[in-house]
């Protein structure tokens, strides 16, 4: 039998867009014909309508890929911002399961057999920490909000770098913002964290450029150079080059994306190794401090253990931190 890990089941059990298992019981507005089954098409259409109207963030849409009659349910696959999810609806149209099913014939591995990714990370005197995001991915902004207190606490005891995924899922605004952030990090690095703290609040780039005193002339000059070097505008306008025909390439860190196997936003790389971590400041501090040969005193500090909310704004999240754009 194939094996699945208990942590994998937990991820399966927590659903799309922040809560990985959502079970919704529908009454009059959603339910099927009284006392009988609905057709596959009717049940799936009603489930898709419910998902789009009640379960997604503004601006996101679930698109139906296919459906089938499976194990006494209607199984259907949806695409949300380039990521596919399997969902299920009961044949009477009254219950929706928006998470992958778990094969009960699979063998479950004990926790001791897993979880070595962080423990085995290469250690160093000054850990290199790279965070790969899309600037408008709600889960990219989530890990950035969790990472900022860690970067401020550890300071020059780590080598922190903000990186970007090699394609953009959120249009021209994301391509422009990422180029701006690349240039701030490259030429005005002391202002990167203050700028990000502002930008992650409400996504207002122009306001934050002014509030943090960014040299706009230097920024424009760097932007033009990066545009030419990495074909940023060319890739944005050439739809024939887009990934899967949907997403423009963003090639500034393409080599690093390939090297580390980055597949979406966010990705966390510590000492050249992609690792998994929670996204609260406390969890990220523990992950990074594990990469020191000799952890500094700052690693004993207590940071917030609550996950930041996905998207813009600084509210804490009641959910877990497993979502991604990719």
C-alpha atoms as a PDB file:
ATOM      1  CA  UNK A   1       0.000   0.000   0.000  1.00  0.00           C
ATOM      2  CA  UNK A   2       1.100   3.559  -0.616  1.00  0.00           C
ATOM      3  CA  UNK A   3       2.032   5.556   2.462  1.00  0.00           C
ATOM      4  CA  UNK A   4       0.761   8.977   3.444  1.00  0.00           C
ATOM      5  CA  UNK A   5       2.037  11.021   6.354  1.00  0.00           C
ATOM      6  CA  UNK A   6      -0.027  12.194   9.281  1.00  0.00           C
ATOM      7  CA  UNK A   7       1.063  15.751   8.587  1.00  0.00           C
ATOM      8  CA  UNK A   8      -0.209  15.319   5.031  1.00  0.00           C
ATOM      9  CA  UNK A   9      -3.599  14.285   6.349  1.00  0.00           C
ATOM     10  CA  UNK A  10      -3.586  17.373   8.601  1.00  0.00           C
ATOM     11  CA  UNK A  11      -2.872  19.548   5.564  1.00  0.00           C
ATOM     12  CA  UNK A  12      -5.645  17.775   3.668  1.00  0.00           C
ATOM     13  CA  UNK A  13      -7.938  18.334   6.624  1.00  0.00           C
ATOM     14  CA  UNK A  14      -7.402  22.051   6.847  1.00  0.00           C
ATOM     15  CA  UNK A  15      -9.104  23.243   2.709  1.00  0.00           C
ATOM     16  CA  UNK A  16      -8.750  25.879   0.158  1.00  0.00           C
ATOM     17  CA  UNK A  17      -7.813  29.475   0.983  1.00  0.00           C
ATOM     18  CA  UNK A  18      -6.793  29.107   4.618  1.00  0.00           C
ATOM     19  CA  UNK A  19      -8.992  26.355   6.119  1.00  0.00           C
ATOM     20  CA  UNK A  20      -8.031  23.144   4.348  1.00  0.00           C
ATOM     21  CA  UNK A  21     -11.187  21.125   5.029  1.00  0.00           C
ATOM     22  CA  UNK A  22     -14.496  22.906   4.860  1.00  0.00           C
ATOM     23  CA  UNK A  23     -17.715  20.968   5.245  1.00  0.00           C
ATOM     24  CA  UNK A  24     -20.795  22.983   4.361  1.00  0.00           C
ATOM     25  CA  UNK A  25     -24.337  21.670   4.970  1.00  0.00           C
ATOM     26  CA  UNK A  26     -26.745  23.271   2.572  1.00  0.00           C
ATOM     27  CA  UNK A  27     -30.417  23.769   3.218  1.00  0.00           C
ATOM     28  CA  UNK A  28     -33.122  25.263   1.028  1.00  0.00           C
ATOM     29  CA  UNK A  29     -30.960  27.566  -1.085  1.00  0.00           C
ATOM     30  CA  UNK A  30     -28.520  24.851  -2.115  1.00  0.00           C
ATOM     31  CA  UNK A  31     -30.288  21.564  -1.608  1.00  0.00           C
ATOM     32  CA  UNK A  32     -31.340  19.237  -4.380  1.00  0.00           C
ATOM     33  CA  UNK A  33     -34.679  17.844  -5.249  1.00  0.00           C
ATOM     34  CA  UNK A  34     -36.527  16.683  -2.152  1.00  0.00           C
ATOM     35  CA  UNK A  35     -36.078  12.991  -1.455  1.00  0.00           C
ATOM     36  CA  UNK A  36     -33.884  12.190  -4.465  1.00  0.00           C
ATOM     37  CA  UNK A  37     -30.611  12.626  -6.289  1.00  0.00           C
ATOM     38  CA  UNK A  38     -29.696  15.493  -8.555  1.00  0.00           C
ATOM     39  CA  UNK A  39     -27.972  15.030 -11.868  1.00  0.00           C
ATOM     40  CA  UNK A  40     -24.190  15.308 -11.862  1.00  0.00           C
ATOM     41  CA  UNK A  41     -24.271  18.553 -13.844  1.00  0.00           C
ATOM     42  CA  UNK A  42     -26.893  20.182 -11.629  1.00  0.00           C
ATOM     43  CA  UNK A  43     -25.216  19.254  -8.348  1.00  0.00           C
ATOM     44  CA  UNK A  44     -21.759  20.344  -9.520  1.00  0.00           C
ATOM     45  CA  UNK A  45     -23.099  23.630 -10.934  1.00  0.00           C
ATOM     46  CA  UNK A  46     -24.781  24.466  -7.626  1.00  0.00           C
ATOM     47  CA  UNK A  47     -21.631  23.557  -5.679  1.00  0.00           C
ATOM     48  CA  UNK A  48     -19.499  25.733  -7.959  1.00  0.00           C
ATOM     49  CA  UNK A  49     -21.893  28.645  -7.563  1.00  0.00           C
ATOM     50  CA  UNK A  50     -21.784  28.291  -3.778  1.00  0.00           C
ATOM     51  CA  UNK A  51     -17.955  28.230  -3.752  1.00  0.00           C
ATOM     52  CA  UNK A  52     -17.709  31.354  -5.901  1.00  0.00           C
ATOM     53  CA  UNK A  53     -20.339  33.295  -3.982  1.00  0.00           C
ATOM     54  CA  UNK A  54     -19.434  32.309  -0.421  1.00  0.00           C
ATOM     55  CA  UNK A  55     -15.957  30.824  -0.043  1.00  0.00           C
ATOM     56  CA  UNK A  56     -13.473  32.852  -2.090  1.00  0.00           C
ATOM     57  CA  UNK A  57     -11.717  36.138  -1.545  1.00  0.00           C
ATOM     58  CA  UNK A  58     -12.805  39.085  -3.676  1.00  0.00           C
ATOM     59  CA  UNK A  59     -11.389  38.898  -7.197  1.00  0.00           C
ATOM     60  CA  UNK A  60     -10.900  35.110  -7.163  1.00  0.00           C
ATOM     61  CA  UNK A  61     -12.980  32.699  -9.234  1.00  0.00           C
ATOM     62  CA  UNK A  62     -13.217  28.917  -9.232  1.00  0.00           C
ATOM     63  CA  UNK A  63     -13.418  27.418 -12.718  1.00  0.00           C
ATOM     64  CA  UNK A  64     -14.707  23.899 -13.354  1.00  0.00           C
ATOM     65  CA  UNK A  65     -12.189  21.573 -14.989  1.00  0.00           C
ATOM     66  CA  UNK A  66     -14.050  18.248 -14.981  1.00  0.00           C
ATOM     67  CA  UNK A  67     -16.384  16.082 -12.911  1.00  0.00           C
ATOM     68  CA  UNK A  68     -17.181  12.404 -12.381  1.00  0.00           C
ATOM     69  CA  UNK A  69     -19.368  10.023 -10.397  1.00  0.00           C
ATOM     70  CA  UNK A  70     -17.022   8.477  -7.827  1.00  0.00           C
ATOM     71  CA  UNK A  71     -17.571   6.432  -4.649  1.00  0.00           C
ATOM     72  CA  UNK A  72     -21.160   7.505  -4.210  1.00  0.00           C
ATOM     73  CA  UNK A  73     -20.368  11.227  -4.637  1.00  0.00           C
ATOM     74  CA  UNK A  74     -19.898  13.631  -7.507  1.00  0.00           C
ATOM     75  CA  UNK A  75     -16.222  14.515  -7.659  1.00  0.00           C
ATOM     76  CA  UNK A  76     -15.234  17.693  -9.490  1.00  0.00           C
ATOM     77  CA  UNK A  77     -11.963  19.499 -10.084  1.00  0.00           C
ATOM     78  CA  UNK A  78     -11.763  23.291  -9.893  1.00  0.00           C
ATOM     79  CA  UNK A  79      -9.033  25.748 -10.813  1.00  0.00           C
ATOM     80  CA  UNK A  80      -8.427  28.790  -8.581  1.00  0.00           C
ATOM     81  CA  UNK A  81      -5.689  31.178  -9.723  1.00  0.00           C
ATOM     82  CA  UNK A  82      -3.812  28.394 -11.471  1.00  0.00           C
ATOM     83  CA  UNK A  83      -4.038  25.868  -8.626  1.00  0.00           C
ATOM     84  CA  UNK A  84      -6.335  22.860  -8.929  1.00  0.00           C
ATOM     85  CA  UNK A  85      -8.419  21.352  -6.125  1.00  0.00           C
ATOM     86  CA  UNK A  86     -10.541  18.218  -5.947  1.00  0.00           C
ATOM     87  CA  UNK A  87     -13.942  18.726  -4.359  1.00  0.00           C
ATOM     88  CA  UNK A  88     -16.964  16.522  -3.737  1.00  0.00           C
ATOM     89  CA  UNK A  89     -20.715  17.088  -3.531  1.00  0.00           C
ATOM     90  CA  UNK A  90     -23.285  14.595  -2.327  1.00  0.00           C
ATOM     91  CA  UNK A  91     -25.780  13.397  -4.907  1.00  0.00           C
ATOM     92  CA  UNK A  92     -28.683  15.072  -3.178  1.00  0.00           C
ATOM     93  CA  UNK A  93     -26.836  18.404  -3.467  1.00  0.00           C
ATOM     94  CA  UNK A  94     -26.809  19.064   0.271  1.00  0.00           C
ATOM     95  CA  UNK A  95     -23.192  18.606   1.354  1.00  0.00           C
ATOM     96  CA  UNK A  96     -19.973  19.941  -0.152  1.00  0.00           C
ATOM     97  CA  UNK A  97     -16.476  18.751   0.712  1.00  0.00           C
ATOM     98  CA  UNK A  98     -13.814  21.111  -0.601  1.00  0.00           C
ATOM     99  CA  UNK A  99     -10.723  19.055   0.065  1.00  0.00           C
ATOM    100  CA  UNK A 100      -9.059  15.966  -1.428  1.00  0.00           C
ATOM    101  CA  UNK A 101     -10.463  12.660  -0.294  1.00  0.00           C
ATOM    102  CA  UNK A 102      -8.301  10.390   1.857  1.00  0.00           C
ATOM    103  CA  UNK A 103      -7.888   6.793   0.702  1.00  0.00           C
ATOM    104  CA  UNK A 104      -8.615   4.750   3.826  1.00  0.00           C
ATOM    105  CA  UNK A 105      -6.642   1.807   2.405  1.00  0.00           C
ATOM    106  CA  UNK A 106      -3.455   3.833   2.569  1.00  0.00           C
ATOM    107  CA  UNK A 107      -1.014   3.178   5.387  1.00  0.00           C
ATOM    108  CA  UNK A 108      -0.310   6.030   7.777  1.00  0.00           C
ATOM    109  CA  UNK A 109       3.270   6.765   8.724  1.00  0.00           C
ATOM    110  CA  UNK A 110       4.057   7.572  12.355  1.00  0.00           C
ATOM    111  CA  UNK A 111       5.206  11.115  13.101  1.00  0.00           C
ATOM    112  CA  UNK A 112       8.705   9.861  13.939  1.00  0.00           C
ATOM    113  CA  UNK A 113       9.228   8.926  10.295  1.00  0.00           C
ATOM    114  CA  UNK A 114       8.920  12.489   9.101  1.00  0.00           C
ATOM    115  CA  UNK A 115       9.703  16.109   9.879  1.00  0.00           C
ATOM    116  CA  UNK A 116      13.460  15.955   9.193  1.00  0.00           C
ATOM    117  CA  UNK A 117      13.464  18.815   6.698  1.00  0.00           C
ATOM    118  CA  UNK A 118      14.101  21.534   9.276  1.00  0.00           C
ATOM    119  CA  UNK A 119      16.231  19.390  11.607  1.00  0.00           C
ATOM    120  CA  UNK A 120      18.586  18.390   8.794  1.00  0.00           C
ATOM    121  CA  UNK A 121      19.081  21.859   7.342  1.00  0.00           C
ATOM    122  CA  UNK A 122      22.745  22.732   6.883  1.00  0.00           C
ATOM    123  CA  UNK A 123      23.982  24.868   9.751  1.00  0.00           C
ATOM    124  CA  UNK A 124      26.207  27.921   9.507  1.00  0.00           C
ATOM    125  CA  UNK A 125      27.547  30.777  11.600  1.00  0.00           C
ATOM    126  CA  UNK A 126      25.366  33.238   9.680  1.00  0.00           C
ATOM    127  CA  UNK A 127      22.342  31.532   8.120  1.00  0.00           C
ATOM    128  CA  UNK A 128      21.264  32.648   4.657  1.00  0.00           C
ATOM    129  CA  UNK A 129      17.499  33.141   4.603  1.00  0.00           C
ATOM    130  CA  UNK A 130      15.659  33.602   1.307  1.00  0.00           C
ATOM    131  CA  UNK A 131      11.902  34.101   1.067  1.00  0.00           C
ATOM    132  CA  UNK A 132      10.325  33.637  -2.372  1.00  0.00           C
ATOM    133  CA  UNK A 133       6.954  35.322  -2.872  1.00  0.00           C
ATOM    134  CA  UNK A 134       4.576  36.921  -5.310  1.00  0.00           C
ATOM    135  CA  UNK A 135       3.957  40.424  -4.028  1.00  0.00           C
ATOM    136  CA  UNK A 136       0.162  40.155  -4.227  1.00  0.00           C
ATOM    137  CA  UNK A 137      -0.204  36.496  -3.264  1.00  0.00           C
ATOM    138  CA  UNK A 138      -2.121  36.445   0.048  1.00  0.00           C
ATOM    139  CA  UNK A 139       0.122  33.662   1.352  1.00  0.00           C
ATOM    140  CA  UNK A 140       3.266  35.464   0.242  1.00  0.00           C
ATOM    141  CA  UNK A 141       2.214  38.525   2.203  1.00  0.00           C
ATOM    142  CA  UNK A 142       1.370  36.226   5.113  1.00  0.00           C
ATOM    143  CA  UNK A 143       4.898  34.829   5.411  1.00  0.00           C
ATOM    144  CA  UNK A 144       6.409  38.290   4.910  1.00  0.00           C
ATOM    145  CA  UNK A 145       4.396  39.607   7.865  1.00  0.00           C
ATOM    146  CA  UNK A 146       5.618  36.671   9.936  1.00  0.00           C
ATOM    147  CA  UNK A 147       9.208  37.113   8.803  1.00  0.00           C
ATOM    148  CA  UNK A 148       9.624  40.854   9.435  1.00  0.00           C
ATOM    149  CA  UNK A 149       9.787  40.602  13.262  1.00  0.00           C
ATOM    150  CA  UNK A 150      12.376  37.826  12.879  1.00  0.00           C
ATOM    151  CA  UNK A 151      14.532  39.894  10.521  1.00  0.00           C
ATOM    152  CA  UNK A 152      14.315  42.886  12.844  1.00  0.00           C
ATOM    153  CA  UNK A 153      15.239  40.744  15.870  1.00  0.00           C
ATOM    154  CA  UNK A 154      18.165  38.882  14.314  1.00  0.00           C
ATOM    155  CA  UNK A 155      19.468  41.803  12.249  1.00  0.00           C
ATOM    156  CA  UNK A 156      22.893  41.198  10.718  1.00  0.00           C
ATOM    157  CA  UNK A 157      23.195  37.813  12.411  1.00  0.00           C
ATOM    158  CA  UNK A 158      21.421  36.411   9.321  1.00  0.00           C
ATOM    159  CA  UNK A 159      21.760  37.138   5.627  1.00  0.00           C
ATOM    160  CA  UNK A 160      18.161  37.862   4.644  1.00  0.00           C
ATOM    161  CA  UNK A 161      17.034  38.263   1.043  1.00  0.00           C
ATOM    162  CA  UNK A 162      13.596  38.811  -0.425  1.00  0.00           C
ATOM    163  CA  UNK A 163      13.207  36.923  -3.711  1.00  0.00           C
ATOM    164  CA  UNK A 164      10.390  36.522  -6.231  1.00  0.00           C
ATOM    165  CA  UNK A 165       8.829  33.524  -7.937  1.00  0.00           C
ATOM    166  CA  UNK A 166       9.669  33.367 -11.649  1.00  0.00           C
ATOM    167  CA  UNK A 167       6.113  33.982 -12.807  1.00  0.00           C
ATOM    168  CA  UNK A 168       3.416  36.426 -11.699  1.00  0.00           C
ATOM    169  CA  UNK A 169      -0.185  35.382 -11.044  1.00  0.00           C
ATOM    170  CA  UNK A 170      -1.649  38.782 -10.206  1.00  0.00           C
ATOM    171  CA  UNK A 171      -1.153  40.851 -13.324  1.00  0.00           C
ATOM    172  CA  UNK A 172       0.769  43.989 -14.192  1.00  0.00           C
ATOM    173  CA  UNK A 173       0.446  45.462 -10.693  1.00  0.00           C
ATOM    174  CA  UNK A 174       2.417  42.526  -9.327  1.00  0.00           C
ATOM    175  CA  UNK A 175       5.106  42.734 -12.006  1.00  0.00           C
ATOM    176  CA  UNK A 176       5.553  46.453 -11.291  1.00  0.00           C
ATOM    177  CA  UNK A 177       5.550  46.034  -7.517  1.00  0.00           C
ATOM    178  CA  UNK A 178       8.077  43.209  -7.573  1.00  0.00           C
ATOM    179  CA  UNK A 179      10.430  45.210  -9.756  1.00  0.00           C
ATOM    180  CA  UNK A 180      10.139  48.132  -7.339  1.00  0.00           C
ATOM    181  CA  UNK A 181      10.849  45.898  -4.349  1.00  0.00           C
ATOM    182  CA  UNK A 182      13.808  44.299  -6.132  1.00  0.00           C
ATOM    183  CA  UNK A 183      15.273  47.759  -6.741  1.00  0.00           C
ATOM    184  CA  UNK A 184      14.653  48.920  -3.159  1.00  0.00           C
ATOM    185  CA  UNK A 185      16.426  45.824  -1.862  1.00  0.00           C
ATOM    186  CA  UNK A 186      19.280  46.266  -4.321  1.00  0.00           C
ATOM    187  CA  UNK A 187      19.998  49.983  -3.923  1.00  0.00           C
ATOM    188  CA  UNK A 188      18.167  51.215  -0.804  1.00  0.00           C
ATOM    189  CA  UNK A 189      18.215  48.082   1.313  1.00  0.00           C
ATOM    190  CA  UNK A 190      18.018  49.865   4.651  1.00  0.00           C
ATOM    191  CA  UNK A 191      14.519  50.991   3.631  1.00  0.00           C
ATOM    192  CA  UNK A 192      13.244  47.599   2.472  1.00  0.00           C
ATOM    193  CA  UNK A 193      11.803  46.410   5.791  1.00  0.00           C
ATOM    194  CA  UNK A 194      10.147  49.768   6.613  1.00  0.00           C
ATOM    195  CA  UNK A 195       8.693  49.826   3.102  1.00  0.00           C
ATOM    196  CA  UNK A 196       7.381  46.265   3.404  1.00  0.00           C
ATOM    197  CA  UNK A 197       5.858  46.988   6.818  1.00  0.00           C
ATOM    198  CA  UNK A 198       3.911  49.817   5.204  1.00  0.00           C
ATOM    199  CA  UNK A 199       3.029  48.020   1.966  1.00  0.00           C
ATOM    200  CA  UNK A 200       1.771  44.892   3.723  1.00  0.00           C
ATOM    201  CA  UNK A 201      -0.734  47.005   5.621  1.00  0.00           C
ATOM    202  CA  UNK A 202      -2.889  48.000   2.675  1.00  0.00           C
ATOM    203  CA  UNK A 203      -0.939  47.446  -0.556  1.00  0.00           C
ATOM    204  CA  UNK A 204      -0.643  51.168  -1.293  1.00  0.00           C
ATOM    205  CA  UNK A 205       2.771  51.340  -2.955  1.00  0.00           C
ATOM    206  CA  UNK A 206       2.768  55.048  -3.811  1.00  0.00           C
ATOM    207  CA  UNK A 207       1.933  56.015  -0.243  1.00  0.00           C
ATOM    208  CA  UNK A 208       4.645  53.768   1.152  1.00  0.00           C
ATOM    209  CA  UNK A 209       7.320  55.000  -1.254  1.00  0.00           C
ATOM    210  CA  UNK A 210       6.691  58.490   0.096  1.00  0.00           C
ATOM    211  CA  UNK A 211       6.374  57.568   3.755  1.00  0.00           C
ATOM    212  CA  UNK A 212       9.625  55.608   3.808  1.00  0.00           C
ATOM    213  CA  UNK A 213      11.634  58.204   1.883  1.00  0.00           C
ATOM    214  CA  UNK A 214      12.502  56.082  -1.131  1.00  0.00           C
ATOM    215  CA  UNK A 215      14.659  57.939  -3.667  1.00  0.00           C
ATOM    216  CA  UNK A 216      12.259  57.763  -6.618  1.00  0.00           C
ATOM    217  CA  UNK A 217      14.807  58.921  -9.190  1.00  0.00           C
ATOM    218  CA  UNK A 218      17.157  56.114  -8.179  1.00  0.00           C
ATOM    219  CA  UNK A 219      14.216  53.712  -8.130  1.00  0.00           C
ATOM    220  CA  UNK A 220      13.157  54.681 -11.666  1.00  0.00           C
ATOM    221  CA  UNK A 221      16.709  54.298 -12.952  1.00  0.00           C
ATOM    222  CA  UNK A 222      17.067  50.838 -11.387  1.00  0.00           C
ATOM    223  CA  UNK A 223      13.630  49.857 -12.701  1.00  0.00           C
ATOM    224  CA  UNK A 224      14.636  50.742 -16.262  1.00  0.00           C
ATOM    225  CA  UNK A 225      17.874  48.771 -15.986  1.00  0.00           C
ATOM    226  CA  UNK A 226      16.114  45.721 -14.546  1.00  0.00           C
ATOM    227  CA  UNK A 227      13.419  45.951 -17.213  1.00  0.00           C
ATOM    228  CA  UNK A 228      16.043  45.789 -19.948  1.00  0.00           C
ATOM    229  CA  UNK A 229      18.193  43.125 -18.294  1.00  0.00           C
ATOM    230  CA  UNK A 230      15.361  40.738 -17.462  1.00  0.00           C
ATOM    231  CA  UNK A 231      12.894  41.553 -20.286  1.00  0.00           C
ATOM    232  CA  UNK A 232      10.202  42.390 -17.731  1.00  0.00           C
ATOM    233  CA  UNK A 233       7.914  44.476 -19.943  1.00  0.00           C
ATOM    234  CA  UNK A 234       8.620  42.270 -22.949  1.00  0.00           C
ATOM    235  CA  UNK A 235       7.558  39.147 -21.043  1.00  0.00           C
ATOM    236  CA  UNK A 236       4.486  40.924 -19.681  1.00  0.00           C
ATOM    237  CA  UNK A 237       3.314  41.977 -23.143  1.00  0.00           C
ATOM    238  CA  UNK A 238       4.203  38.742 -24.970  1.00  0.00           C
ATOM    239  CA  UNK A 239       1.301  36.530 -23.982  1.00  0.00           C
ATOM    240  CA  UNK A 240       2.687  33.691 -26.106  1.00  0.00           C
ATOM    241  CA  UNK A 241       5.525  33.366 -23.568  1.00  0.00           C
ATOM    242  CA  UNK A 242       3.274  33.197 -20.496  1.00  0.00           C
ATOM    243  CA  UNK A 243       3.415  30.160 -18.254  1.00  0.00           C
ATOM    244  CA  UNK A 244       0.552  27.823 -19.196  1.00  0.00           C
ATOM    245  CA  UNK A 245      -0.670  30.685 -21.379  1.00  0.00           C
ATOM    246  CA  UNK A 246      -1.879  32.517 -18.257  1.00  0.00           C
ATOM    247  CA  UNK A 247       0.942  34.024 -16.215  1.00  0.00           C
ATOM    248  CA  UNK A 248       3.759  36.328 -17.375  1.00  0.00           C
ATOM    249  CA  UNK A 249       7.307  35.246 -16.602  1.00  0.00           C
ATOM    250  CA  UNK A 250       9.248  37.216 -14.024  1.00  0.00           C
ATOM    251  CA  UNK A 251      12.855  36.211 -14.513  1.00  0.00           C
ATOM    252  CA  UNK A 252      14.952  38.211 -12.037  1.00  0.00           C
ATOM    253  CA  UNK A 253      15.490  35.176  -9.814  1.00  0.00           C
ATOM    254  CA  UNK A 254      14.798  32.473 -12.381  1.00  0.00           C
ATOM    255  CA  UNK A 255      18.086  30.647 -11.751  1.00  0.00           C
ATOM    256  CA  UNK A 256      17.455  30.490  -8.004  1.00  0.00           C
ATOM    257  CA  UNK A 257      13.870  29.318  -8.562  1.00  0.00           C
ATOM    258  CA  UNK A 258      15.225  26.456 -10.657  1.00  0.00           C
ATOM    259  CA  UNK A 259      18.062  25.684  -8.250  1.00  0.00           C
ATOM    260  CA  UNK A 260      15.810  25.403  -5.206  1.00  0.00           C
ATOM    261  CA  UNK A 261      12.767  23.926  -6.937  1.00  0.00           C
ATOM    262  CA  UNK A 262      10.466  26.829  -6.097  1.00  0.00           C
ATOM    263  CA  UNK A 263       6.954  26.001  -7.307  1.00  0.00           C
ATOM    264  CA  UNK A 264       4.894  28.862  -5.944  1.00  0.00           C
ATOM    265  CA  UNK A 265       4.467  31.548  -3.308  1.00  0.00           C
ATOM    266  CA  UNK A 266       5.702  31.348  -0.630  1.00  0.00           C
ATOM    267  CA  UNK A 267       8.945  29.384  -0.628  1.00  0.00           C
ATOM    268  CA  UNK A 268      11.434  29.464   2.253  1.00  0.00           C
ATOM    269  CA  UNK A 269      15.095  28.605   1.688  1.00  0.00           C
ATOM    270  CA  UNK A 270      17.567  28.427   4.580  1.00  0.00           C
ATOM    271  CA  UNK A 271      21.261  27.846   3.912  1.00  0.00           C
ATOM    272  CA  UNK A 272      20.479  26.810   0.349  1.00  0.00           C
ATOM    273  CA  UNK A 273      17.795  24.288   1.298  1.00  0.00           C
ATOM    274  CA  UNK A 274      14.055  24.698   0.821  1.00  0.00           C
ATOM    275  CA  UNK A 275      12.348  24.042   4.145  1.00  0.00           C
ATOM    276  CA  UNK A 276       8.847  23.967   5.602  1.00  0.00           C
ATOM    277  CA  UNK A 277       7.862  26.214   8.463  1.00  0.00           C
ATOM    278  CA  UNK A 278       4.870  27.742  10.124  1.00  0.00           C
ATOM    279  CA  UNK A 279       4.367  31.404   9.259  1.00  0.00           C
ATOM    280  CA  UNK A 280       4.041  32.936  12.687  1.00  0.00           C
ATOM    281  CA  UNK A 281       7.036  34.991  13.869  1.00  0.00           C
ATOM    282  CA  UNK A 282       7.634  32.382  16.590  1.00  0.00           C
ATOM    283  CA  UNK A 283       7.661  29.453  14.150  1.00  0.00           C
ATOM    284  CA  UNK A 284       9.903  31.241  11.663  1.00  0.00           C
ATOM    285  CA  UNK A 285      12.328  32.248  14.409  1.00  0.00           C
ATOM    286  CA  UNK A 286      12.589  28.614  15.527  1.00  0.00           C
ATOM    287  CA  UNK A 287      13.169  27.432  11.965  1.00  0.00           C
ATOM    288  CA  UNK A 288      15.924  29.951  11.312  1.00  0.00           C
ATOM    289  CA  UNK A 289      17.580  29.603  14.713  1.00  0.00           C
ATOM    290  CA  UNK A 290      17.847  25.879  14.051  1.00  0.00           C
ATOM    291  CA  UNK A 291      20.242  26.744  11.204  1.00  0.00           C
ATOM    292  CA  UNK A 292      22.885  28.405  13.415  1.00  0.00           C
ATOM    293  CA  UNK A 293      26.019  26.572  14.474  1.00  0.00           C
ATOM    294  CA  UNK A 294      25.656  28.462  17.745  1.00  0.00           C
ATOM    295  CA  UNK A 295      22.305  30.165  18.172  1.00  0.00           C
ATOM    296  CA  UNK A 296      22.564  33.753  19.454  1.00  0.00           C
ATOM    297  CA  UNK A 297      20.764  35.006  22.541  1.00  0.00           C
ATOM    298  CA  UNK A 298      18.021  36.501  20.361  1.00  0.00           C
ATOM    299  CA  UNK A 299      16.837  32.984  19.588  1.00  0.00           C
ATOM    300  CA  UNK A 300      15.553  32.764  23.167  1.00  0.00           C
ATOM    301  CA  UNK A 301      13.239  35.728  22.644  1.00  0.00           C
ATOM    302  CA  UNK A 302       9.503  35.078  22.517  1.00  0.00           C
ATOM    303  CA  UNK A 303       7.755  36.298  19.387  1.00  0.00           C
ATOM    304  CA  UNK A 304       4.078  36.171  18.469  1.00  0.00           C
ATOM    305  CA  UNK A 305       2.895  32.590  17.920  1.00  0.00           C
ATOM    306  CA  UNK A 306      -0.242  33.594  15.989  1.00  0.00           C
ATOM    307  CA  UNK A 307      -0.206  33.202  12.217  1.00  0.00           C
ATOM    308  CA  UNK A 308      -0.568  36.518  10.380  1.00  0.00           C
ATOM    309  CA  UNK A 309      -3.652  36.754   8.217  1.00  0.00           C
ATOM    310  CA  UNK A 310      -3.274  36.029   4.499  1.00  0.00           C
ATOM    311  CA  UNK A 311      -3.449  39.127   2.302  1.00  0.00           C
ATOM    312  CA  UNK A 312      -2.949  42.731   3.347  1.00  0.00           C
ATOM    313  CA  UNK A 313      -3.540  43.942   6.887  1.00  0.00           C
ATOM    314  CA  UNK A 314      -2.138  42.899  10.237  1.00  0.00           C
ATOM    315  CA  UNK A 315      -4.951  40.923  11.804  1.00  0.00           C
ATOM    316  CA  UNK A 316      -3.986  37.565  13.317  1.00  0.00           C
ATOM    317  CA  UNK A 317      -5.410  34.500  11.627  1.00  0.00           C
ATOM    318  CA  UNK A 318      -7.343  31.741  13.330  1.00  0.00           C
ATOM    319  CA  UNK A 319      -6.413  29.347  10.527  1.00  0.00           C
ATOM    320  CA  UNK A 320      -3.216  27.488   9.757  1.00  0.00           C
ATOM    321  CA  UNK A 321      -0.522  28.561   7.337  1.00  0.00           C
ATOM    322  CA  UNK A 322      -0.476  26.039   4.516  1.00  0.00           C
ATOM    323  CA  UNK A 323      -1.957  28.023   1.633  1.00  0.00           C
ATOM    324  CA  UNK A 324       0.057  28.970  -1.436  1.00  0.00           C
ATOM    325  CA  UNK A 325      -0.198  30.572  -4.862  1.00  0.00           C
ATOM    326  CA  UNK A 326       1.196  28.351  -7.541  1.00  0.00           C
END
